[in-house]
Amino acid sequence: LRGEVIQIGAVKLDKNMQPCGSYQ
């Protein structure tokens, strides 16, 4: 176990590569 995740960040893009949502 090299480390433990302490933050998840994500951005959702549509088929036109435009941001349509985020998660943290």
mmCIF file of all heavy atoms, coordinates in Angstrom:
data_MODEL
# 
_entry.id   MODEL 
# 
loop_
_atom_site.group_PDB 
_atom_site.id 
_atom_site.type_symbol 
_atom_site.label_atom_id 
_atom_site.label_alt_id 
_atom_site.label_comp_id 
_atom_site.label_asym_id 
_atom_site.label_entity_id 
_atom_site.label_seq_id 
_atom_site.pdbx_PDB_ins_code 
_atom_site.Cartn_x 
_atom_site.Cartn_y 
_atom_site.Cartn_z 
_atom_site.occupancy 
_atom_site.B_iso_or_equiv 
_atom_site.pdbx_formal_charge 
_atom_site.auth_seq_id 
_atom_site.auth_comp_id 
_atom_site.auth_asym_id 
_atom_site.auth_atom_id 
_atom_site.pdbx_PDB_model_num 
ATOM 1   N N   . LEU A 1 1  ? 0.863   -1.175 0.000   1.00 0.00 ? 1  LEU A N   1 
ATOM 2   C CA  . LEU A 1 1  ? 0.000   0.000  0.000   1.00 0.00 ? 1  LEU A CA  1 
ATOM 3   C C   . LEU A 1 1  ? 0.898   1.223  0.000   1.00 0.00 ? 1  LEU A C   1 
ATOM 4   O O   . LEU A 1 1  ? 1.498   1.573  1.019   1.00 0.00 ? 1  LEU A O   1 
ATOM 5   C CB  . LEU A 1 1  ? -0.924  0.000  1.229   1.00 0.00 ? 1  LEU A CB  1 
ATOM 6   C CG  . LEU A 1 1  ? -1.978  1.116  1.285   1.00 0.00 ? 1  LEU A CG  1 
ATOM 7   C CD1 . LEU A 1 1  ? -2.951  1.011  0.126   1.00 0.00 ? 1  LEU A CD1 1 
ATOM 8   C CD2 . LEU A 1 1  ? -2.723  1.073  2.612   1.00 0.00 ? 1  LEU A CD2 1 
ATOM 9   N N   . ARG A 1 2  ? 1.009   1.870  -1.168  1.00 0.00 ? 2  ARG A N   1 
ATOM 10  C CA  . ARG A 1 2  ? 1.942   2.988  -1.308  1.00 0.00 ? 2  ARG A CA  1 
ATOM 11  C C   . ARG A 1 2  ? 1.429   4.268  -0.667  1.00 0.00 ? 2  ARG A C   1 
ATOM 12  O O   . ARG A 1 2  ? 2.197   5.140  -0.291  1.00 0.00 ? 2  ARG A O   1 
ATOM 13  C CB  . ARG A 1 2  ? 2.227   3.235  -2.793  1.00 0.00 ? 2  ARG A CB  1 
ATOM 14  C CG  . ARG A 1 2  ? 2.889   2.077  -3.506  1.00 0.00 ? 2  ARG A CG  1 
ATOM 15  C CD  . ARG A 1 2  ? 2.858   2.291  -4.997  1.00 0.00 ? 2  ARG A CD  1 
ATOM 16  N NE  . ARG A 1 2  ? 1.493   2.270  -5.508  1.00 0.00 ? 2  ARG A NE  1 
ATOM 17  C CZ  . ARG A 1 2  ? 1.066   2.975  -6.540  1.00 0.00 ? 2  ARG A CZ  1 
ATOM 18  N NH1 . ARG A 1 2  ? 1.895   3.801  -7.154  1.00 0.00 ? 2  ARG A NH1 1 
ATOM 19  N NH2 . ARG A 1 2  ? -0.192  2.883  -6.948  1.00 0.00 ? 2  ARG A NH2 1 
ATOM 20  N N   . GLY A 1 3  ? 0.124   4.401  -0.558  1.00 0.00 ? 3  GLY A N   1 
ATOM 21  C CA  . GLY A 1 3  ? -0.474  5.598  0.003   1.00 0.00 ? 3  GLY A CA  1 
ATOM 22  C C   . GLY A 1 3  ? -1.974  5.422  0.074   1.00 0.00 ? 3  GLY A C   1 
ATOM 23  O O   . GLY A 1 3  ? -2.532  4.452  -0.458  1.00 0.00 ? 3  GLY A O   1 
ATOM 24  N N   . GLU A 1 4  ? -2.643  6.360  0.737   1.00 0.00 ? 4  GLU A N   1 
ATOM 25  C CA  . GLU A 1 4  ? -4.108  6.307  0.816   1.00 0.00 ? 4  GLU A CA  1 
ATOM 26  C C   . GLU A 1 4  ? -4.703  7.581  0.224   1.00 0.00 ? 4  GLU A C   1 
ATOM 27  O O   . GLU A 1 4  ? -4.275  8.696  0.548   1.00 0.00 ? 4  GLU A O   1 
ATOM 28  C CB  . GLU A 1 4  ? -4.566  6.141  2.259   1.00 0.00 ? 4  GLU A CB  1 
ATOM 29  C CG  . GLU A 1 4  ? -4.467  4.709  2.744   1.00 0.00 ? 4  GLU A CG  1 
ATOM 30  C CD  . GLU A 1 4  ? -5.279  4.472  4.008   1.00 0.00 ? 4  GLU A CD  1 
ATOM 31  O OE1 . GLU A 1 4  ? -4.749  4.744  5.105   1.00 0.00 ? 4  GLU A OE1 1 
ATOM 32  O OE2 . GLU A 1 4  ? -6.433  4.012  3.905   1.00 0.00 ? 4  GLU A OE2 1 
ATOM 33  N N   . VAL A 1 5  ? -5.685  7.401  -0.629  1.00 0.00 ? 5  VAL A N   1 
ATOM 34  C CA  . VAL A 1 5  ? -6.346  8.519  -1.295  1.00 0.00 ? 5  VAL A CA  1 
ATOM 35  C C   . VAL A 1 5  ? -7.017  9.411  -0.262  1.00 0.00 ? 5  VAL A C   1 
ATOM 36  O O   . VAL A 1 5  ? -7.733  8.930  0.617   1.00 0.00 ? 5  VAL A O   1 
ATOM 37  C CB  . VAL A 1 5  ? -7.398  8.001  -2.299  1.00 0.00 ? 5  VAL A CB  1 
ATOM 38  C CG1 . VAL A 1 5  ? -8.195  9.163  -2.885  1.00 0.00 ? 5  VAL A CG1 1 
ATOM 39  C CG2 . VAL A 1 5  ? -6.719  7.201  -3.412  1.00 0.00 ? 5  VAL A CG2 1 
ATOM 40  N N   . ILE A 1 6  ? -6.772  10.721 -0.365  1.00 0.00 ? 6  ILE A N   1 
ATOM 41  C CA  . ILE A 1 6  ? -7.408  11.661 0.563   1.00 0.00 ? 6  ILE A CA  1 
ATOM 42  C C   . ILE A 1 6  ? -8.247  12.710 -0.177  1.00 0.00 ? 6  ILE A C   1 
ATOM 43  O O   . ILE A 1 6  ? -8.957  13.479 0.463   1.00 0.00 ? 6  ILE A O   1 
ATOM 44  C CB  . ILE A 1 6  ? -6.367  12.365 1.451   1.00 0.00 ? 6  ILE A CB  1 
ATOM 45  C CG1 . ILE A 1 6  ? -5.326  13.102 0.613   1.00 0.00 ? 6  ILE A CG1 1 
ATOM 46  C CG2 . ILE A 1 6  ? -5.698  11.379 2.382   1.00 0.00 ? 6  ILE A CG2 1 
ATOM 47  C CD1 . ILE A 1 6  ? -4.359  13.960 1.439   1.00 0.00 ? 6  ILE A CD1 1 
ATOM 48  N N   . GLN A 1 7  ? -8.175  12.739 -1.517  1.00 0.00 ? 7  GLN A N   1 
ATOM 49  C CA  . GLN A 1 7  ? -9.027  13.661 -2.270  1.00 0.00 ? 7  GLN A CA  1 
ATOM 50  C C   . GLN A 1 7  ? -9.256  13.122 -3.672  1.00 0.00 ? 7  GLN A C   1 
ATOM 51  O O   . GLN A 1 7  ? -8.323  12.651 -4.330  1.00 0.00 ? 7  GLN A O   1 
ATOM 52  C CB  . GLN A 1 7  ? -8.400  15.055 -2.354  1.00 0.00 ? 7  GLN A CB  1 
ATOM 53  C CG  . GLN A 1 7  ? -9.328  16.089 -3.013  1.00 0.00 ? 7  GLN A CG  1 
ATOM 54  C CD  . GLN A 1 7  ? -8.667  17.450 -3.204  1.00 0.00 ? 7  GLN A CD  1 
ATOM 55  O OE1 . GLN A 1 7  ? -7.444  17.539 -3.298  1.00 0.00 ? 7  GLN A OE1 1 
ATOM 56  N NE2 . GLN A 1 7  ? -9.461  18.508 -3.265  1.00 0.00 ? 7  GLN A NE2 1 
ATOM 57  N N   . ILE A 1 8  ? -10.499 13.154 -4.092  1.00 0.00 ? 8  ILE A N   1 
ATOM 58  C CA  . ILE A 1 8  ? -10.884 12.779 -5.456  1.00 0.00 ? 8  ILE A CA  1 
ATOM 59  C C   . ILE A 1 8  ? -11.463 14.009 -6.130  1.00 0.00 ? 8  ILE A C   1 
ATOM 60  O O   . ILE A 1 8  ? -12.350 14.671 -5.582  1.00 0.00 ? 8  ILE A O   1 
ATOM 61  C CB  . ILE A 1 8  ? -11.943 11.656 -5.466  1.00 0.00 ? 8  ILE A CB  1 
ATOM 62  C CG1 . ILE A 1 8  ? -11.400 10.408 -4.759  1.00 0.00 ? 8  ILE A CG1 1 
ATOM 63  C CG2 . ILE A 1 8  ? -12.361 11.319 -6.891  1.00 0.00 ? 8  ILE A CG2 1 
ATOM 64  C CD1 . ILE A 1 8  ? -12.443 9.308  -4.578  1.00 0.00 ? 8  ILE A CD1 1 
ATOM 65  N N   . GLY A 1 9  ? -10.959 14.319 -7.306  1.00 0.00 ? 9  GLY A N   1 
ATOM 66  C CA  . GLY A 1 9  ? -11.490 15.436 -8.087  1.00 0.00 ? 9  GLY A CA  1 
ATOM 67  C C   . GLY A 1 9  ? -11.752 14.980 -9.505  1.00 0.00 ? 9  GLY A C   1 
ATOM 68  O O   . GLY A 1 9  ? -10.959 14.218 -10.070 1.00 0.00 ? 9  GLY A O   1 
ATOM 69  N N   . ALA A 1 10 ? -12.864 15.414 -10.082 1.00 0.00 ? 10 ALA A N   1 
ATOM 70  C CA  . ALA A 1 10 ? -13.203 14.980 -11.437 1.00 0.00 ? 10 ALA A CA  1 
ATOM 71  C C   . ALA A 1 10 ? -14.050 16.034 -12.138 1.00 0.00 ? 10 ALA A C   1 
ATOM 72  O O   . ALA A 1 10 ? -14.816 16.768 -11.499 1.00 0.00 ? 10 ALA A O   1 
ATOM 73  C CB  . ALA A 1 10 ? -13.968 13.655 -11.402 1.00 0.00 ? 10 ALA A CB  1 
ATOM 74  N N   . VAL A 1 11 ? -13.896 16.097 -13.461 1.00 0.00 ? 11 VAL A N   1 
ATOM 75  C CA  . VAL A 1 11 ? -14.700 16.988 -14.292 1.00 0.00 ? 11 VAL A CA  1 
ATOM 76  C C   . VAL A 1 11 ? -15.292 16.158 -15.423 1.00 0.00 ? 11 VAL A C   1 
ATOM 77  O O   . VAL A 1 11 ? -14.585 15.398 -16.079 1.00 0.00 ? 11 VAL A O   1 
ATOM 78  C CB  . VAL A 1 11 ? -13.857 18.142 -14.874 1.00 0.00 ? 11 VAL A CB  1 
ATOM 79  C CG1 . VAL A 1 11 ? -14.672 18.948 -15.896 1.00 0.00 ? 11 VAL A CG1 1 
ATOM 80  C CG2 . VAL A 1 11 ? -13.363 19.058 -13.751 1.00 0.00 ? 11 VAL A CG2 1 
ATOM 81  N N   . LYS A 1 12 ? -16.600 16.298 -15.639 1.00 0.00 ? 12 LYS A N   1 
ATOM 82  C CA  . LYS A 1 12 ? -17.293 15.539 -16.679 1.00 0.00 ? 12 LYS A CA  1 
ATOM 83  C C   . LYS A 1 12 ? -17.429 16.397 -17.931 1.00 0.00 ? 12 LYS A C   1 
ATOM 84  O O   . LYS A 1 12 ? -17.839 17.567 -17.856 1.00 0.00 ? 12 LYS A O   1 
ATOM 85  C CB  . LYS A 1 12 ? -18.671 15.101 -16.181 1.00 0.00 ? 12 LYS A CB  1 
ATOM 86  C CG  . LYS A 1 12 ? -19.413 14.157 -17.114 1.00 0.00 ? 12 LYS A CG  1 
ATOM 87  C CD  . LYS A 1 12 ? -20.759 13.725 -16.512 1.00 0.00 ? 12 LYS A CD  1 
ATOM 88  C CE  . LYS A 1 12 ? -20.577 12.833 -15.310 1.00 0.00 ? 12 LYS A CE  1 
ATOM 89  N NZ  . LYS A 1 12 ? -21.875 12.319 -14.795 1.00 0.00 ? 12 LYS A NZ  1 
ATOM 90  N N   . LEU A 1 13 ? -17.055 15.832 -19.090 1.00 0.00 ? 13 LEU A N   1 
ATOM 91  C CA  . LEU A 1 13 ? -17.128 16.517 -20.371 1.00 0.00 ? 13 LEU A CA  1 
ATOM 92  C C   . LEU A 1 13 ? -18.133 15.818 -21.274 1.00 0.00 ? 13 LEU A C   1 
ATOM 93  O O   . LEU A 1 13 ? -18.205 14.581 -21.297 1.00 0.00 ? 13 LEU A O   1 
ATOM 94  C CB  . LEU A 1 13 ? -15.751 16.523 -21.049 1.00 0.00 ? 13 LEU A CB  1 
ATOM 95  C CG  . LEU A 1 13 ? -14.592 17.127 -20.247 1.00 0.00 ? 13 LEU A CG  1 
ATOM 96  C CD1 . LEU A 1 13 ? -13.274 16.842 -20.945 1.00 0.00 ? 13 LEU A CD1 1 
ATOM 97  C CD2 . LEU A 1 13 ? -14.789 18.615 -20.064 1.00 0.00 ? 13 LEU A CD2 1 
ATOM 98  N N   . ASP A 1 14 ? -18.870 16.600 -22.060 1.00 0.00 ? 14 ASP A N   1 
ATOM 99  C CA  . ASP A 1 14 ? -19.830 15.995 -22.990 1.00 0.00 ? 14 ASP A CA  1 
ATOM 100 C C   . ASP A 1 14 ? -19.120 15.605 -24.287 1.00 0.00 ? 14 ASP A C   1 
ATOM 101 O O   . ASP A 1 14 ? -17.891 15.718 -24.399 1.00 0.00 ? 14 ASP A O   1 
ATOM 102 C CB  . ASP A 1 14 ? -21.001 16.940 -23.255 1.00 0.00 ? 14 ASP A CB  1 
ATOM 103 C CG  . ASP A 1 14 ? -20.568 18.264 -23.888 1.00 0.00 ? 14 ASP A CG  1 
ATOM 104 O OD1 . ASP A 1 14 ? -19.476 18.312 -24.508 1.00 0.00 ? 14 ASP A OD1 1 
ATOM 105 O OD2 . ASP A 1 14 ? -21.318 19.254 -23.790 1.00 0.00 ? 14 ASP A OD2 1 
ATOM 106 N N   . LYS A 1 15 ? -19.881 15.167 -25.281 1.00 0.00 ? 15 LYS A N   1 
ATOM 107 C CA  . LYS A 1 15 ? -19.296 14.688 -26.536 1.00 0.00 ? 15 LYS A CA  1 
ATOM 108 C C   . LYS A 1 15 ? -18.554 15.794 -27.287 1.00 0.00 ? 15 LYS A C   1 
ATOM 109 O O   . LYS A 1 15 ? -17.708 15.517 -28.141 1.00 0.00 ? 15 LYS A O   1 
ATOM 110 C CB  . LYS A 1 15 ? -20.369 14.093 -27.437 1.00 0.00 ? 15 LYS A CB  1 
ATOM 111 C CG  . LYS A 1 15 ? -21.454 15.070 -27.855 1.00 0.00 ? 15 LYS A CG  1 
ATOM 112 C CD  . LYS A 1 15 ? -22.485 14.391 -28.734 1.00 0.00 ? 15 LYS A CD  1 
ATOM 113 C CE  . LYS A 1 15 ? -23.563 15.372 -29.184 1.00 0.00 ? 15 LYS A CE  1 
ATOM 114 N NZ  . LYS A 1 15 ? -24.583 14.704 -30.052 1.00 0.00 ? 15 LYS A NZ  1 
ATOM 115 N N   . ASN A 1 16 ? -18.869 17.042 -26.964 1.00 0.00 ? 16 ASN A N   1 
ATOM 116 C CA  . ASN A 1 16 ? -18.187 18.178 -27.591 1.00 0.00 ? 16 ASN A CA  1 
ATOM 117 C C   . ASN A 1 16 ? -17.021 18.682 -26.742 1.00 0.00 ? 16 ASN A C   1 
ATOM 118 O O   . ASN A 1 16 ? -16.496 19.770 -27.003 1.00 0.00 ? 16 ASN A O   1 
ATOM 119 C CB  . ASN A 1 16 ? -19.191 19.311 -27.828 1.00 0.00 ? 16 ASN A CB  1 
ATOM 120 C CG  . ASN A 1 16 ? -20.300 18.902 -28.787 1.00 0.00 ? 16 ASN A CG  1 
ATOM 121 O OD1 . ASN A 1 16 ? -20.050 18.283 -29.822 1.00 0.00 ? 16 ASN A OD1 1 
ATOM 122 N ND2 . ASN A 1 16 ? -21.543 19.230 -28.432 1.00 0.00 ? 16 ASN A ND2 1 
ATOM 123 N N   . MET A 1 17 ? -16.662 17.893 -25.735 1.00 0.00 ? 17 MET A N   1 
ATOM 124 C CA  . MET A 1 17 ? -15.558 18.216 -24.827 1.00 0.00 ? 17 MET A CA  1 
ATOM 125 C C   . MET A 1 17 ? -15.809 19.496 -24.034 1.00 0.00 ? 17 MET A C   1 
ATOM 126 O O   . MET A 1 17 ? -14.885 20.239 -23.688 1.00 0.00 ? 17 MET A O   1 
ATOM 127 C CB  . MET A 1 17 ? -14.227 18.325 -25.593 1.00 0.00 ? 17 MET A CB  1 
ATOM 128 C CG  . MET A 1 17 ? -13.876 17.080 -26.385 1.00 0.00 ? 17 MET A CG  1 
ATOM 129 S SD  . MET A 1 17 ? -13.866 15.559 -25.382 1.00 0.00 ? 17 MET A SD  1 
ATOM 130 C CE  . MET A 1 17 ? -12.485 15.872 -24.286 1.00 0.00 ? 17 MET A CE  1 
ATOM 131 N N   . GLN A 1 18 ? -17.059 19.746 -23.722 1.00 0.00 ? 18 GLN A N   1 
ATOM 132 C CA  . GLN A 1 18 ? -17.433 20.892 -22.906 1.00 0.00 ? 18 GLN A CA  1 
ATOM 133 C C   . GLN A 1 18 ? -17.770 20.421 -21.490 1.00 0.00 ? 18 GLN A C   1 
ATOM 134 O O   . GLN A 1 18 ? -18.489 19.432 -21.313 1.00 0.00 ? 18 GLN A O   1 
ATOM 135 C CB  . GLN A 1 18 ? -18.640 21.617 -23.508 1.00 0.00 ? 18 GLN A CB  1 
ATOM 136 C CG  . GLN A 1 18 ? -18.368 22.260 -24.853 1.00 0.00 ? 18 GLN A CG  1 
ATOM 137 C CD  . GLN A 1 18 ? -17.286 23.323 -24.761 1.00 0.00 ? 18 GLN A CD  1 
ATOM 138 O OE1 . GLN A 1 18 ? -17.320 24.194 -23.890 1.00 0.00 ? 18 GLN A OE1 1 
ATOM 139 N NE2 . GLN A 1 18 ? -16.316 23.240 -25.672 1.00 0.00 ? 18 GLN A NE2 1 
ATOM 140 N N   . PRO A 1 19 ? -17.264 21.100 -20.432 1.00 0.00 ? 19 PRO A N   1 
ATOM 141 C CA  . PRO A 1 19 ? -17.562 20.708 -19.056 1.00 0.00 ? 19 PRO A CA  1 
ATOM 142 C C   . PRO A 1 19 ? -19.059 20.743 -18.770 1.00 0.00 ? 19 PRO A C   1 
ATOM 143 O O   . PRO A 1 19 ? -19.749 21.706 -19.145 1.00 0.00 ? 19 PRO A O   1 
ATOM 144 C CB  . PRO A 1 19 ? -16.818 21.751 -18.216 1.00 0.00 ? 19 PRO A CB  1 
ATOM 145 C CG  . PRO A 1 19 ? -15.740 22.264 -19.113 1.00 0.00 ? 19 PRO A CG  1 
ATOM 146 C CD  . PRO A 1 19 ? -16.327 22.243 -20.497 1.00 0.00 ? 19 PRO A CD  1 
ATOM 147 N N   . CYS A 1 20 ? -19.564 19.687 -18.133 1.00 0.00 ? 20 CYS A N   1 
ATOM 148 C CA  . CYS A 1 20 ? -20.990 19.641 -17.800 1.00 0.00 ? 20 CYS A CA  1 
ATOM 149 C C   . CYS A 1 20 ? -21.218 19.131 -16.379 1.00 0.00 ? 20 CYS A C   1 
ATOM 150 O O   . CYS A 1 20 ? -22.339 18.755 -16.024 1.00 0.00 ? 20 CYS A O   1 
ATOM 151 C CB  . CYS A 1 20 ? -21.749 18.780 -18.810 1.00 0.00 ? 20 CYS A CB  1 
ATOM 152 S SG  . CYS A 1 20 ? -21.181 17.083 -18.934 1.00 0.00 ? 20 CYS A SG  1 
ATOM 153 N N   . GLY A 1 21 ? -20.174 19.103 -15.577 1.00 0.00 ? 21 GLY A N   1 
ATOM 154 C CA  . GLY A 1 21 ? -20.311 18.674 -14.187 1.00 0.00 ? 21 GLY A CA  1 
ATOM 155 C C   . GLY A 1 21 ? -18.963 18.491 -13.532 1.00 0.00 ? 21 GLY A C   1 
ATOM 156 O O   . GLY A 1 21 ? -17.947 18.321 -14.209 1.00 0.00 ? 21 GLY A O   1 
ATOM 157 N N   . SER A 1 22 ? -18.942 18.557 -12.197 1.00 0.00 ? 22 SER A N   1 
ATOM 158 C CA  . SER A 1 22 ? -17.687 18.359 -11.467 1.00 0.00 ? 22 SER A CA  1 
ATOM 159 C C   . SER A 1 22 ? -17.977 17.625 -10.167 1.00 0.00 ? 22 SER A C   1 
ATOM 160 O O   . SER A 1 22 ? -19.106 17.608 -9.668  1.00 0.00 ? 22 SER A O   1 
ATOM 161 C CB  . SER A 1 22 ? -16.992 19.698 -11.182 1.00 0.00 ? 22 SER A CB  1 
ATOM 162 O OG  . SER A 1 22 ? -17.795 20.509 -10.351 1.00 0.00 ? 22 SER A OG  1 
ATOM 163 N N   . TYR A 1 23 ? -16.921 17.026 -9.637  1.00 0.00 ? 23 TYR A N   1 
ATOM 164 C CA  . TYR A 1 23 ? -17.059 16.243 -8.405  1.00 0.00 ? 23 TYR A CA  1 
ATOM 165 C C   . TYR A 1 23 ? -15.795 16.425 -7.574  1.00 0.00 ? 23 TYR A C   1 
ATOM 166 O O   . TYR A 1 23 ? -14.675 16.430 -8.103  1.00 0.00 ? 23 TYR A O   1 
ATOM 167 C CB  . TYR A 1 23 ? -17.243 14.759 -8.730  1.00 0.00 ? 23 TYR A CB  1 
ATOM 168 C CG  . TYR A 1 23 ? -17.423 13.873 -7.519  1.00 0.00 ? 23 TYR A CG  1 
ATOM 169 C CD1 . TYR A 1 23 ? -18.693 13.567 -7.044  1.00 0.00 ? 23 TYR A CD1 1 
ATOM 170 C CD2 . TYR A 1 23 ? -16.320 13.345 -6.856  1.00 0.00 ? 23 TYR A CD2 1 
ATOM 171 C CE1 . TYR A 1 23 ? -18.863 12.757 -5.928  1.00 0.00 ? 23 TYR A CE1 1 
ATOM 172 C CE2 . TYR A 1 23 ? -16.484 12.540 -5.729  1.00 0.00 ? 23 TYR A CE2 1 
ATOM 173 C CZ  . TYR A 1 23 ? -17.753 12.246 -5.275  1.00 0.00 ? 23 TYR A CZ  1 
ATOM 174 O OH  . TYR A 1 23 ? -17.934 11.441 -4.171  1.00 0.00 ? 23 TYR A OH  1 
ATOM 175 N N   . GLN A 1 24 ? -15.957 16.543 -6.255  1.00 0.00 ? 24 GLN A N   1 
ATOM 176 C CA  . GLN A 1 24 ? -14.810 16.680 -5.355  1.00 0.00 ? 24 GLN A CA  1 
ATOM 177 C C   . GLN A 1 24 ? -15.198 16.142 -3.992  1.00 0.00 ? 24 GLN A C   1 
ATOM 178 O O   . GLN A 1 24 ? -16.310 16.395 -3.503  1.00 0.00 ? 24 GLN A O   1 
ATOM 179 C CB  . GLN A 1 24 ? -14.383 18.143 -5.252  1.00 0.00 ? 24 GLN A CB  1 
ATOM 180 C CG  . GLN A 1 24 ? -13.078 18.371 -4.521  1.00 0.00 ? 24 GLN A CG  1 
ATOM 181 C CD  . GLN A 1 24 ? -13.227 18.430 -2.991  1.00 0.00 ? 24 GLN A CD  1 
ATOM 182 O OE1 . GLN A 1 24 ? -12.330 18.031 -2.260  1.00 0.00 ? 24 GLN A OE1 1 
ATOM 183 N NE2 . GLN A 1 24 ? -14.351 18.922 -2.493  1.00 0.00 ? 24 GLN A NE2 1 
# 
